[in-house]
Amino acid sequence: MRPTSLAVPFVASVLVLANACGGSGSSTGDDTTPPPFDPIALASEVSQPELEKTIAELSAMPTRYTLTQGDETARDYLVGRGRALGFEPQLDPFQVAGQTATNVILKLPGTVTPEVVYIFSAHYDSTSATPMTLAPGADDNATGVASVLEAARVLSQRSLRSSVWFVFTAAEEQGSLGSKHMAQWLKADGVDVRGVIAPDMIGYWPLGMADKFDILGDDASKFLVDQMSAVATQLGVEHKVWIQHGYCYGDDHTMFQEAGFPAITPMDCVEAHNLSAGEDTPHYHQVSDTSATLYMPFTTKVAGVIVATLAQLGTPAP
């Protein structure tokens, strides 16, 4: 099933059109037309309070486990947040154990090559030892969702040559089913997806500002890893890159990779999957995965790197 648009107030549609056309001002073609913006500068526009607000509101839902009422509440929350930013949310339903789960898509059309698409995606479901009743999922993955919403807020005020889709996938904890479903129809429809960024857990930094975030990819997505690494270096954000590795296979980004789309994931805990590395994530899939365990100053830096990278990929348009 393909995604369908929801009925939205007229003002939201007007905002989307204004964004797609490069803002509310008209282009005269004279020397007063401002130059394209600097993608790197957008990193400073990422708001820590905005990120904290989203994470707090999502993790305050007792659980977002797939097919619970909390999962539906989270879906409706994301639809509402998308509308508030001026987007027309699209729902992308699919089946999980005979019931319906739903991806949510916000589209920012490109002004020059709208058929070229870059995707910024994060799963919004959560899990724990008691998933049906309590699974706050602050790091996993309210942090990723918050960064996608913040990118949508920042980039909705800019014009990009190519299209950017801000995506919230469902049922990741059941085997990345939402991203797998989406990747399948994107491939079947021949959508020209040039790159996917899918953060999963970017909030647990036990070393504070001395920590490093991980950028995972594969051979086909090495150019995306390299681009994000270059942005992080320019912004002074410490990081590590992983191309040949055996970590996190089965996460959302690998579903896009399997469908033939270049995809990477920034995250906080790659080496925790290798017990000999000495890295630990004590709150992973636990009821203790709350906002209190996160270090938001570094999360904000990482989100800034992602937003700047995404703006570079979409290419600023005047």
Protein backbone atom coordinates (compact mmCIF):
# COMPACT_ATOMS: atom_id res chain seq x y z
CA MET A 1 0.00 0.00 0.00
CA ARG A 2 1.31 3.43 -0.96
CA PRO A 3 1.25 6.40 1.42
CA THR A 4 -1.84 8.57 1.40
CA SER A 5 -2.21 12.22 2.32
CA LEU A 6 -4.39 13.26 5.23
CA ALA A 7 -6.95 16.01 5.04
CA VAL A 8 -5.27 19.12 6.45
CA PRO A 9 -6.33 22.72 7.05
CA PHE A 10 -5.89 24.96 4.03
CA VAL A 11 -3.22 27.03 5.76
CA ALA A 12 -0.91 23.99 6.02
CA SER A 13 -1.07 23.40 2.27
CA VAL A 14 -0.26 27.05 1.67
CA LEU A 15 2.81 26.76 3.90
CA VAL A 16 4.05 23.73 1.99
CA LEU A 17 3.65 25.57 -1.30
CA ALA A 18 5.53 28.58 0.07
CA ASN A 19 8.37 26.37 1.22
CA ALA A 20 8.51 24.55 -2.09
CA CYS A 21 8.78 27.85 -3.91
CA GLY A 22 11.62 29.10 -1.77
CA GLY A 23 9.76 30.99 0.92
CA SER A 24 7.06 33.61 1.00
CA GLY A 25 8.96 36.24 -1.03
CA SER A 26 8.84 36.29 -4.81
CA SER A 27 11.92 35.93 -7.00
CA THR A 28 12.53 38.90 -9.26
CA GLY A 29 15.73 37.64 -10.88
CA ASP A 30 17.54 40.90 -10.13
CA ASP A 31 20.68 41.49 -8.07
CA THR A 32 18.69 41.68 -4.82
CA THR A 33 18.03 37.92 -4.86
CA PRO A 34 19.87 36.52 -1.84
CA PRO A 35 22.51 33.83 -2.44
CA PRO A 36 21.93 30.24 -1.35
CA PHE A 37 22.45 29.61 2.34
CA ASP A 38 25.45 27.84 3.86
CA PRO A 39 24.44 24.31 4.98
CA ILE A 40 27.13 24.28 7.67
CA ALA A 41 25.57 27.35 9.28
CA LEU A 42 22.32 25.46 9.82
CA ALA A 43 23.97 23.36 12.53
CA SER A 44 23.81 26.36 14.85
CA GLU A 45 20.05 26.61 14.31
CA VAL A 46 19.41 23.20 15.83
CA SER A 47 17.72 23.86 19.16
CA GLN A 48 18.53 21.81 22.24
CA PRO A 49 15.24 22.87 23.93
CA GLU A 50 13.29 21.69 20.87
CA LEU A 51 15.05 18.34 20.93
CA GLU A 52 14.48 17.98 24.66
CA LYS A 53 10.79 18.85 24.28
CA THR A 54 10.19 16.14 21.67
CA ILE A 55 12.12 13.50 23.60
CA ALA A 56 10.29 14.33 26.83
CA GLU A 57 6.87 14.19 25.18
CA LEU A 58 7.55 10.90 23.42
CA SER A 59 9.14 9.18 26.41
CA ALA A 60 6.28 10.38 28.63
CA MET A 61 4.01 8.02 26.70
CA PRO A 62 4.16 4.86 28.84
CA THR A 63 5.00 2.75 25.79
CA ARG A 64 5.25 3.12 22.04
CA TYR A 65 5.46 -0.60 21.44
CA THR A 66 4.06 -1.63 18.07
CA LEU A 67 0.30 -2.22 17.95
CA THR A 68 -0.34 -0.84 21.43
CA GLN A 69 -2.43 2.24 22.03
CA GLY A 70 0.80 4.08 22.82
CA ASP A 71 2.09 3.35 19.32
CA GLU A 72 -1.04 4.91 17.85
CA THR A 73 -0.71 7.88 20.19
CA ALA A 74 2.85 8.41 18.98
CA ARG A 75 1.73 8.22 15.35
CA ASP A 76 -0.94 10.85 15.93
CA TYR A 77 1.56 13.01 17.82
CA LEU A 78 3.93 12.97 14.84
CA VAL A 79 1.13 13.80 12.42
CA GLY A 80 0.22 16.77 14.60
CA ARG A 81 3.83 17.96 14.85
CA GLY A 82 4.18 17.70 11.07
CA ARG A 83 1.06 19.77 10.50
CA ALA A 84 2.26 22.38 12.97
CA LEU A 85 5.40 22.76 10.83
CA GLY A 86 3.29 23.33 7.72
CA PHE A 87 3.60 19.90 6.14
CA GLU A 88 0.87 17.65 4.77
CA PRO A 89 1.62 14.34 6.51
CA GLN A 90 1.23 11.15 4.51
CA LEU A 91 0.41 7.82 6.15
CA ASP A 92 2.10 4.67 4.88
CA PRO A 93 0.30 1.67 6.44
CA PHE A 94 1.48 -1.94 6.40
CA GLN A 95 0.61 -5.17 8.18
CA VAL A 96 2.23 -6.56 11.31
CA ALA A 97 0.81 -9.78 12.74
CA GLY A 98 -2.49 -9.16 11.01
CA GLN A 99 -2.82 -5.60 12.28
CA THR A 100 -1.96 -2.22 10.80
CA ALA A 101 1.16 -0.25 11.67
CA THR A 102 1.91 3.09 10.04
CA ASN A 103 4.90 5.05 8.80
CA VAL A 104 4.51 8.83 8.70
CA ILE A 105 6.07 10.87 5.88
CA LEU A 106 6.60 14.65 5.59
CA LYS A 107 7.76 15.77 2.15
CA LEU A 108 9.72 18.94 1.35
CA PRO A 109 9.63 19.24 -2.46
CA GLY A 110 12.79 20.25 -4.29
CA THR A 111 12.61 23.41 -6.38
CA VAL A 112 14.80 22.25 -9.28
CA THR A 113 14.97 18.43 -9.30
CA PRO A 114 12.02 17.35 -7.14
CA GLU A 115 12.23 13.82 -8.51
CA VAL A 116 15.56 13.37 -6.71
CA VAL A 117 14.89 12.36 -3.09
CA TYR A 118 16.94 12.24 0.10
CA ILE A 119 15.39 10.60 3.16
CA PHE A 120 15.95 11.41 6.82
CA SER A 121 14.29 8.63 8.81
CA ALA A 122 13.95 7.39 12.39
CA HIS A 123 11.77 4.72 13.99
CA TYR A 124 9.29 5.92 16.59
CA ASP A 125 8.36 2.64 18.28
CA SER A 126 9.99 1.49 21.52
CA THR A 127 10.49 -1.67 23.54
CA SER A 128 11.71 -2.92 26.91
CA ALA A 129 11.45 -5.94 29.20
CA THR A 130 7.81 -4.89 29.72
CA PRO A 131 6.95 -3.52 26.27
CA MET A 132 3.16 -3.63 26.55
CA THR A 133 3.06 -1.41 29.60
CA LEU A 134 6.31 0.53 30.04
CA ALA A 135 8.91 1.30 27.36
CA PRO A 136 9.90 4.99 27.45
CA GLY A 137 12.53 4.62 24.71
CA ALA A 138 14.13 8.04 25.22
CA ASP A 139 17.41 7.15 23.53
CA ASP A 140 15.94 4.32 21.44
CA ASN A 141 14.65 6.10 19.51
CA ALA A 142 13.00 9.31 20.65
CA THR A 143 16.39 10.94 20.08
CA GLY A 144 16.35 9.98 16.40
CA VAL A 145 12.74 11.11 15.99
CA ALA A 146 13.52 14.43 17.67
CA SER A 147 16.40 15.04 15.27
CA VAL A 148 14.16 14.34 12.26
CA LEU A 149 11.52 16.78 13.52
CA GLU A 150 14.16 19.39 14.24
CA ALA A 151 15.59 19.00 10.73
CA ALA A 152 12.07 19.41 9.34
CA ARG A 153 11.65 22.61 11.35
CA VAL A 154 14.98 24.09 10.21
CA LEU A 155 14.85 23.03 6.56
CA SER A 156 11.20 23.95 6.04
CA GLN A 157 12.37 27.56 6.11
CA ARG A 158 14.88 26.95 3.27
CA SER A 159 14.75 26.02 -0.40
CA LEU A 160 16.58 22.93 -1.65
CA ARG A 161 17.11 21.87 -5.24
CA SER A 162 16.19 18.24 -4.50
CA SER A 163 13.40 16.83 -2.36
CA VAL A 164 13.84 15.80 1.26
CA TRP A 165 11.47 13.39 2.96
CA PHE A 166 11.30 13.34 6.75
CA VAL A 167 10.14 9.85 7.70
CA PHE A 168 9.04 8.21 10.96
CA THR A 169 9.00 4.44 10.63
CA ALA A 170 7.03 1.96 12.71
CA ALA A 171 7.75 -1.59 13.92
CA GLU A 172 11.54 -1.35 13.94
CA GLU A 173 11.72 -3.46 17.08
CA GLN A 174 9.90 -6.28 15.27
CA GLY A 175 12.60 -6.50 12.58
CA SER A 176 12.68 -3.06 10.94
CA LEU A 177 9.37 -3.84 9.27
CA GLY A 178 8.40 -0.22 8.57
CA SER A 179 11.62 0.62 6.77
CA LYS A 180 11.54 -2.70 4.92
CA HIS A 181 8.01 -2.00 3.70
CA MET A 182 8.94 1.50 2.59
CA ALA A 183 12.14 0.45 0.87
CA GLN A 184 10.22 -2.17 -1.09
CA TRP A 185 7.64 0.22 -2.52
CA LEU A 186 10.26 2.91 -3.18
CA LYS A 187 12.16 0.39 -5.30
CA ALA A 188 9.03 -0.93 -7.01
CA ASP A 189 7.92 2.61 -7.89
CA GLY A 190 11.35 3.59 -9.15
CA VAL A 191 11.70 6.53 -6.76
CA ASP A 192 15.09 8.16 -7.29
CA VAL A 193 16.36 7.96 -3.71
CA ARG A 194 19.99 9.14 -3.69
CA GLY A 195 20.64 8.68 0.02
CA VAL A 196 19.11 7.77 3.38
CA ILE A 197 20.18 8.93 6.85
CA ALA A 198 18.56 6.87 9.62
CA PRO A 199 19.78 7.70 13.14
CA ASP A 200 19.03 5.13 15.83
CA MET A 201 20.05 6.19 19.37
CA ILE A 202 22.00 9.46 19.50
CA GLY A 203 21.54 10.50 23.12
CA TYR A 204 23.60 8.34 25.49
CA TRP A 205 27.03 9.93 25.88
CA PRO A 206 28.71 8.79 29.12
CA LEU A 207 31.84 10.83 28.26
CA GLY A 208 29.86 14.02 27.69
CA MET A 209 31.42 16.43 25.21
CA ALA A 210 34.51 14.19 25.10
CA ASP A 211 32.49 11.39 23.50
CA LYS A 212 32.45 10.40 19.82
CA PHE A 213 29.48 9.45 17.67
CA ASP A 214 29.55 6.60 15.17
CA ILE A 215 28.71 6.78 11.46
CA LEU A 216 27.89 3.37 9.94
CA GLY A 217 27.61 2.57 6.26
CA ASP A 218 28.66 0.02 3.66
CA ASP A 219 30.69 0.19 0.47
CA ALA A 220 27.78 1.55 -1.56
CA SER A 221 27.09 4.29 0.98
CA LYS A 222 30.69 5.21 1.72
CA PHE A 223 30.23 8.57 0.00
CA LEU A 224 27.50 9.42 2.52
CA VAL A 225 29.71 8.36 5.42
CA ASP A 226 32.55 10.46 4.02
CA GLN A 227 30.29 13.49 3.55
CA MET A 228 28.91 13.33 7.09
CA SER A 229 32.41 12.78 8.44
CA ALA A 230 33.64 15.87 6.59
CA VAL A 231 30.78 17.94 8.00
CA ALA A 232 31.47 16.67 11.52
CA THR A 233 35.14 17.54 11.15
CA GLN A 234 34.29 21.03 9.92
CA LEU A 235 31.97 21.52 12.90
CA GLY A 236 34.49 20.09 15.35
CA VAL A 237 32.31 17.14 16.42
CA GLU A 238 34.32 14.02 17.28
CA HIS A 239 33.25 10.83 15.52
CA LYS A 240 34.26 7.41 14.20
CA VAL A 241 33.41 5.87 10.84
CA TRP A 242 32.50 2.26 10.09
CA ILE A 243 32.41 0.86 6.56
CA GLN A 244 33.59 -2.73 6.89
CA HIS A 245 31.89 -3.92 10.06
CA GLY A 246 29.48 -6.49 11.44
CA TYR A 247 27.46 -4.22 13.69
CA CYS A 248 23.77 -3.32 13.77
CA TYR A 249 22.79 -5.42 10.78
CA GLY A 250 19.00 -5.53 10.58
CA ASP A 251 18.52 -1.91 11.67
CA ASP A 252 16.45 0.44 9.53
CA HIS A 253 19.33 1.67 7.39
CA THR A 254 20.16 -1.88 6.27
CA MET A 255 16.64 -2.37 4.91
CA PHE A 256 17.26 0.53 2.54
CA GLN A 257 20.70 -0.85 1.69
CA GLU A 258 19.21 -4.22 0.77
CA ALA A 259 16.79 -2.47 -1.60
CA GLY A 260 19.71 -0.80 -3.36
CA PHE A 261 19.58 2.64 -1.75
CA PRO A 262 22.70 4.18 -0.16
CA ALA A 263 21.96 4.44 3.57
CA ILE A 264 23.85 5.24 6.74
CA THR A 265 23.11 5.51 10.44
CA PRO A 266 24.63 7.88 13.00
CA MET A 267 24.42 6.42 16.51
CA ASP A 268 25.91 6.38 20.00
CA CYS A 269 26.66 2.74 20.71
CA VAL A 270 28.18 0.76 17.84
CA GLU A 271 30.98 -0.78 19.87
CA ALA A 272 28.57 -1.82 22.61
CA HIS A 273 27.55 -4.60 20.21
CA ASN A 274 31.10 -5.92 20.47
CA LEU A 275 31.53 -7.04 24.07
CA SER A 276 35.32 -6.90 23.84
CA ALA A 277 35.27 -3.18 23.00
CA GLY A 278 34.48 -2.09 26.55
CA GLU A 279 31.56 0.15 25.54
CA ASP A 280 28.25 -0.38 27.34
CA THR A 281 24.67 0.83 26.96
CA PRO A 282 23.06 -0.10 30.29
CA HIS A 283 19.66 1.37 29.40
CA TYR A 284 19.27 -0.29 26.00
CA HIS A 285 15.76 -1.81 25.76
CA GLN A 286 15.22 -1.17 29.47
CA VAL A 287 12.56 0.73 31.38
CA SER A 288 15.42 2.96 32.55
CA ASP A 289 15.83 4.41 29.03
CA THR A 290 14.56 7.85 30.09
CA SER A 291 15.49 11.45 29.37
CA ALA A 292 17.49 11.56 32.61
CA THR A 293 20.11 9.22 31.10
CA LEU A 294 20.84 11.44 28.07
CA TYR A 295 23.51 14.07 27.55
CA MET A 296 21.75 16.60 25.36
CA PRO A 297 24.57 19.08 24.56
CA PHE A 298 26.38 16.42 22.52
CA THR A 299 23.12 15.11 21.06
CA THR A 300 22.46 18.63 19.79
CA LYS A 301 25.89 18.70 18.15
CA VAL A 302 25.23 15.38 16.42
CA ALA A 303 21.81 16.57 15.23
CA GLY A 304 23.49 19.67 13.84
CA VAL A 305 25.91 17.52 11.84
CA ILE A 306 23.00 15.56 10.38
CA VAL A 307 21.02 18.66 9.45
CA ALA A 308 24.02 20.27 7.76
CA THR A 309 24.78 17.05 5.86
CA LEU A 310 21.18 16.74 4.73
CA ALA A 311 21.15 20.35 3.51
CA GLN A 312 24.34 19.70 1.54
CA LEU A 313 22.81 16.63 -0.07
CA GLY A 314 19.61 18.46 -1.00
CA THR A 315 21.72 21.36 -2.36
CA PRO A 316 20.74 24.92 -1.39
CA ALA A 317 18.63 26.76 -3.92
CA PRO A 318 18.37 30.57 -4.09
